[in-house]
Amino acid sequence: MPHIVPIRDLKNTTSISNLCHETSEPIFVTKNGYGDMVIMSMETFEKSVFLNNLHEKLALAEADVKAGRVFDADDAISDIRKKYGL
């Protein structure tokens, strides 16, 4: 369940920081009853960025497979060995 806090609660920075680290999820900040901002810990942000990049790369890989842009693993390894003299 998402955590929602009013903007006035941001005055207590230690409490908000602790909440960010305890929940490991974004915290939604409201202003005048409406969504205004989202805050999160650095760890949560970095994990989110990593997962977004991973999903993007997986989607590109799936598109390559669907388009037939694939290589046999043994052939690819053989080509790499030849290219780098391994």
N, C-alpha and C. Protein backbone atom coordinates (compact mmCIF):
# COMPACT_ATOMS: atom_id res chain seq x y z
N MET A 1 0.85 -1.18 0.00
CA MET A 1 0.00 0.00 0.00
C MET A 1 0.90 1.24 0.00
N PRO A 2 0.62 2.19 -0.87
CA PRO A 2 1.49 3.36 -0.96
C PRO A 2 1.38 4.26 0.27
N HIS A 3 2.48 4.89 0.59
CA HIS A 3 2.50 5.87 1.68
C HIS A 3 2.22 7.24 1.08
N ILE A 4 1.27 7.94 1.67
CA ILE A 4 0.89 9.27 1.21
C ILE A 4 1.02 10.22 2.39
N VAL A 5 1.77 11.29 2.21
CA VAL A 5 1.96 12.26 3.29
C VAL A 5 1.67 13.66 2.76
N PRO A 6 1.13 14.51 3.62
CA PRO A 6 0.93 15.91 3.19
C PRO A 6 2.27 16.65 3.17
N ILE A 7 2.35 17.68 2.36
CA ILE A 7 3.60 18.41 2.17
C ILE A 7 4.10 19.02 3.48
N ARG A 8 3.21 19.36 4.38
CA ARG A 8 3.63 19.96 5.65
C ARG A 8 4.48 18.98 6.48
N ASP A 9 4.30 17.67 6.26
CA ASP A 9 5.10 16.68 7.00
C ASP A 9 6.56 16.67 6.57
N LEU A 10 6.89 17.32 5.45
CA LEU A 10 8.28 17.35 5.00
C LEU A 10 9.16 18.18 5.92
N LYS A 11 8.55 18.95 6.81
CA LYS A 11 9.34 19.74 7.78
C LYS A 11 10.15 18.81 8.67
N ASN A 12 9.61 17.63 8.96
CA ASN A 12 10.31 16.66 9.80
C ASN A 12 11.13 15.74 8.89
N THR A 13 12.29 16.24 8.46
CA THR A 13 13.10 15.53 7.47
C THR A 13 13.59 14.17 7.96
N THR A 14 13.92 14.07 9.23
CA THR A 14 14.41 12.80 9.76
C THR A 14 13.33 11.74 9.68
N SER A 15 12.12 12.09 10.03
CA SER A 15 11.00 11.14 9.98
C SER A 15 10.74 10.69 8.54
N ILE A 16 10.75 11.63 7.61
CA ILE A 16 10.51 11.29 6.21
C ILE A 16 11.65 10.43 5.66
N SER A 17 12.88 10.76 6.02
CA SER A 17 14.02 9.96 5.58
C SER A 17 13.90 8.53 6.11
N ASN A 18 13.56 8.40 7.36
CA ASN A 18 13.39 7.06 7.95
C ASN A 18 12.28 6.29 7.23
N LEU A 19 11.18 6.96 6.93
CA LEU A 19 10.08 6.31 6.23
C LEU A 19 10.53 5.84 4.84
N CYS A 20 11.30 6.66 4.14
CA CYS A 20 11.81 6.28 2.82
C CYS A 20 12.65 5.01 2.90
N HIS A 21 13.50 4.93 3.91
CA HIS A 21 14.39 3.78 4.03
C HIS A 21 13.68 2.55 4.58
N GLU A 22 12.69 2.74 5.41
CA GLU A 22 11.96 1.60 5.98
C GLU A 22 11.06 0.93 4.95
N THR A 23 10.43 1.72 4.09
CA THR A 23 9.45 1.16 3.16
C THR A 23 10.08 0.66 1.87
N SER A 24 11.21 1.20 1.49
CA SER A 24 11.86 0.87 0.21
C SER A 24 10.91 1.06 -0.96
N GLU A 25 10.00 2.00 -0.83
CA GLU A 25 9.04 2.33 -1.87
C GLU A 25 8.94 3.85 -1.97
N PRO A 26 8.44 4.33 -3.09
CA PRO A 26 8.22 5.78 -3.20
C PRO A 26 7.17 6.26 -2.21
N ILE A 27 7.32 7.49 -1.78
CA ILE A 27 6.34 8.12 -0.89
C ILE A 27 5.70 9.26 -1.68
N PHE A 28 4.39 9.27 -1.71
CA PHE A 28 3.65 10.28 -2.46
C PHE A 28 3.33 11.46 -1.54
N VAL A 29 3.67 12.65 -1.99
CA VAL A 29 3.46 13.86 -1.21
C VAL A 29 2.30 14.64 -1.84
N THR A 30 1.35 15.03 -0.99
CA THR A 30 0.20 15.78 -1.48
C THR A 30 0.29 17.24 -1.07
N LYS A 31 -0.33 18.09 -1.89
CA LYS A 31 -0.41 19.51 -1.60
C LYS A 31 -1.85 19.92 -1.87
N ASN A 32 -2.49 20.46 -0.85
CA ASN A 32 -3.91 20.83 -0.95
C ASN A 32 -4.78 19.64 -1.38
N GLY A 33 -4.41 18.45 -0.93
CA GLY A 33 -5.20 17.26 -1.21
C GLY A 33 -4.94 16.59 -2.54
N TYR A 34 -4.00 17.11 -3.33
CA TYR A 34 -3.70 16.55 -4.63
C TYR A 34 -2.25 16.10 -4.69
N GLY A 35 -1.97 15.09 -5.51
CA GLY A 35 -0.61 14.62 -5.68
C GLY A 35 0.29 15.73 -6.18
N ASP A 36 1.47 15.86 -5.57
CA ASP A 36 2.38 16.93 -5.94
C ASP A 36 3.78 16.41 -6.26
N MET A 37 4.30 15.50 -5.43
CA MET A 37 5.67 15.01 -5.60
C MET A 37 5.75 13.55 -5.18
N VAL A 38 6.85 12.93 -5.57
CA VAL A 38 7.17 11.58 -5.12
C VAL A 38 8.61 11.62 -4.63
N ILE A 39 8.86 11.05 -3.45
CA ILE A 39 10.22 10.99 -2.93
C ILE A 39 10.54 9.54 -2.58
N MET A 40 11.84 9.22 -2.64
CA MET A 40 12.27 7.86 -2.31
C MET A 40 13.74 7.90 -1.91
N SER A 41 14.19 6.81 -1.30
CA SER A 41 15.59 6.71 -0.92
C SER A 41 16.45 6.53 -2.17
N MET A 42 17.73 6.81 -2.05
CA MET A 42 18.66 6.63 -3.17
C MET A 42 18.69 5.17 -3.59
N GLU A 43 18.65 4.25 -2.62
CA GLU A 43 18.69 2.82 -2.94
C GLU A 43 17.47 2.42 -3.78
N THR A 44 16.30 2.91 -3.40
CA THR A 44 15.08 2.61 -4.14
C THR A 44 15.15 3.20 -5.54
N PHE A 45 15.66 4.42 -5.65
CA PHE A 45 15.79 5.07 -6.95
C PHE A 45 16.74 4.29 -7.86
N GLU A 46 17.91 3.91 -7.33
CA GLU A 46 18.89 3.18 -8.12
C GLU A 46 18.34 1.83 -8.57
N LYS A 47 17.62 1.15 -7.68
CA LYS A 47 17.00 -0.13 -8.04
C LYS A 47 15.97 0.08 -9.14
N SER A 48 15.19 1.13 -9.04
CA SER A 48 14.17 1.43 -10.05
C SER A 48 14.81 1.72 -11.40
N VAL A 49 15.87 2.50 -11.41
CA VAL A 49 16.57 2.82 -12.66
C VAL A 49 17.16 1.55 -13.27
N PHE A 50 17.77 0.71 -12.44
CA PHE A 50 18.35 -0.55 -12.91
C PHE A 50 17.28 -1.43 -13.55
N LEU A 51 16.14 -1.58 -12.87
CA LEU A 51 15.08 -2.43 -13.40
C LEU A 51 14.48 -1.86 -14.68
N ASN A 52 14.35 -0.55 -14.76
CA ASN A 52 13.86 0.06 -16.00
C ASN A 52 14.81 -0.20 -17.16
N ASN A 53 16.11 -0.06 -16.92
CA ASN A 53 17.10 -0.33 -17.96
C ASN A 53 17.07 -1.81 -18.37
N LEU A 54 16.93 -2.70 -17.40
CA LEU A 54 16.87 -4.13 -17.68
C LEU A 54 15.65 -4.45 -18.53
N HIS A 55 14.50 -3.92 -18.17
CA HIS A 55 13.28 -4.17 -18.94
C HIS A 55 13.39 -3.63 -20.36
N GLU A 56 14.03 -2.48 -20.50
CA GLU A 56 14.24 -1.91 -21.83
C GLU A 56 15.11 -2.81 -22.69
N LYS A 57 16.19 -3.32 -22.11
CA LYS A 57 17.10 -4.20 -22.85
C LYS A 57 16.43 -5.53 -23.19
N LEU A 58 15.62 -6.04 -22.27
CA LEU A 58 14.90 -7.28 -22.55
C LEU A 58 13.88 -7.09 -23.67
N ALA A 59 13.22 -5.95 -23.70
CA ALA A 59 12.26 -5.66 -24.77
C ALA A 59 12.97 -5.58 -26.11
N LEU A 60 14.14 -4.96 -26.15
CA LEU A 60 14.91 -4.90 -27.39
C LEU A 60 15.36 -6.29 -27.83
N ALA A 61 15.76 -7.11 -26.87
CA ALA A 61 16.17 -8.48 -27.19
C ALA A 61 15.00 -9.29 -27.73
N GLU A 62 13.82 -9.13 -27.13
CA GLU A 62 12.64 -9.84 -27.62
C GLU A 62 12.30 -9.40 -29.05
N ALA A 63 12.45 -8.12 -29.33
CA ALA A 63 12.19 -7.62 -30.69
C ALA A 63 13.18 -8.23 -31.67
N ASP A 64 14.44 -8.36 -31.26
CA ASP A 64 15.43 -8.99 -32.13
C ASP A 64 15.07 -10.44 -32.42
N VAL A 65 14.63 -11.17 -31.41
CA VAL A 65 14.25 -12.57 -31.59
C VAL A 65 13.06 -12.67 -32.54
N LYS A 66 12.05 -11.82 -32.33
CA LYS A 66 10.87 -11.85 -33.19
C LYS A 66 11.20 -11.49 -34.64
N ALA A 67 12.19 -10.61 -34.83
CA ALA A 67 12.58 -10.20 -36.17
C ALA A 67 13.58 -11.16 -36.81
N GLY A 68 13.98 -12.19 -36.06
CA GLY A 68 14.91 -13.18 -36.61
C GLY A 68 16.36 -12.76 -36.56
N ARG A 69 16.67 -11.71 -35.81
CA ARG A 69 18.05 -11.25 -35.68
C ARG A 69 18.74 -12.01 -34.54
N VAL A 70 18.99 -13.30 -34.79
CA VAL A 70 19.60 -14.15 -33.77
C VAL A 70 20.76 -14.91 -34.39
N PHE A 71 21.65 -15.40 -33.55
CA PHE A 71 22.80 -16.17 -33.98
C PHE A 71 22.90 -17.41 -33.10
N ASP A 72 23.43 -18.45 -33.67
CA ASP A 72 23.72 -19.65 -32.90
C ASP A 72 24.85 -19.33 -31.93
N ALA A 73 24.71 -19.73 -30.68
CA ALA A 73 25.69 -19.38 -29.64
C ALA A 73 27.08 -19.93 -29.98
N ASP A 74 27.14 -21.15 -30.45
CA ASP A 74 28.46 -21.73 -30.78
C ASP A 74 29.13 -20.96 -31.91
N ASP A 75 28.35 -20.56 -32.92
CA ASP A 75 28.91 -19.78 -34.02
C ASP A 75 29.38 -18.41 -33.54
N ALA A 76 28.60 -17.78 -32.68
CA ALA A 76 28.98 -16.46 -32.16
C ALA A 76 30.27 -16.55 -31.35
N ILE A 77 30.39 -17.56 -30.52
CA ILE A 77 31.61 -17.72 -29.71
C ILE A 77 32.80 -18.01 -30.61
N SER A 78 32.60 -18.83 -31.62
CA SER A 78 33.67 -19.13 -32.56
C SER A 78 34.13 -17.87 -33.28
N ASP A 79 33.18 -17.04 -33.71
CA ASP A 79 33.53 -15.78 -34.38
C ASP A 79 34.31 -14.86 -33.46
N ILE A 80 33.92 -14.78 -32.20
CA ILE A 80 34.64 -13.93 -31.23
C ILE A 80 36.06 -14.44 -31.03
N ARG A 81 36.21 -15.75 -30.91
CA ARG A 81 37.54 -16.33 -30.73
C ARG A 81 38.44 -16.03 -31.92
N LYS A 82 37.89 -16.15 -33.10
CA LYS A 82 38.67 -15.86 -34.31
C LYS A 82 39.06 -14.38 -34.35
N LYS A 83 38.10 -13.52 -34.04
CA LYS A 83 38.35 -12.07 -34.10
C LYS A 83 39.44 -11.64 -33.14
N TYR A 84 39.47 -12.21 -31.94
CA TYR A 84 40.42 -11.79 -30.92
C TYR A 84 41.58 -12.77 -30.72
N GLY A 85 41.67 -13.77 -31.58
CA GLY A 85 42.78 -14.71 -31.53
C GLY A 85 42.81 -15.52 -30.25
N LEU A 86 41.68 -15.95 -29.79
CA LEU A 86 41.62 -16.74 -28.55
C LEU A 86 41.57 -18.23 -28.84
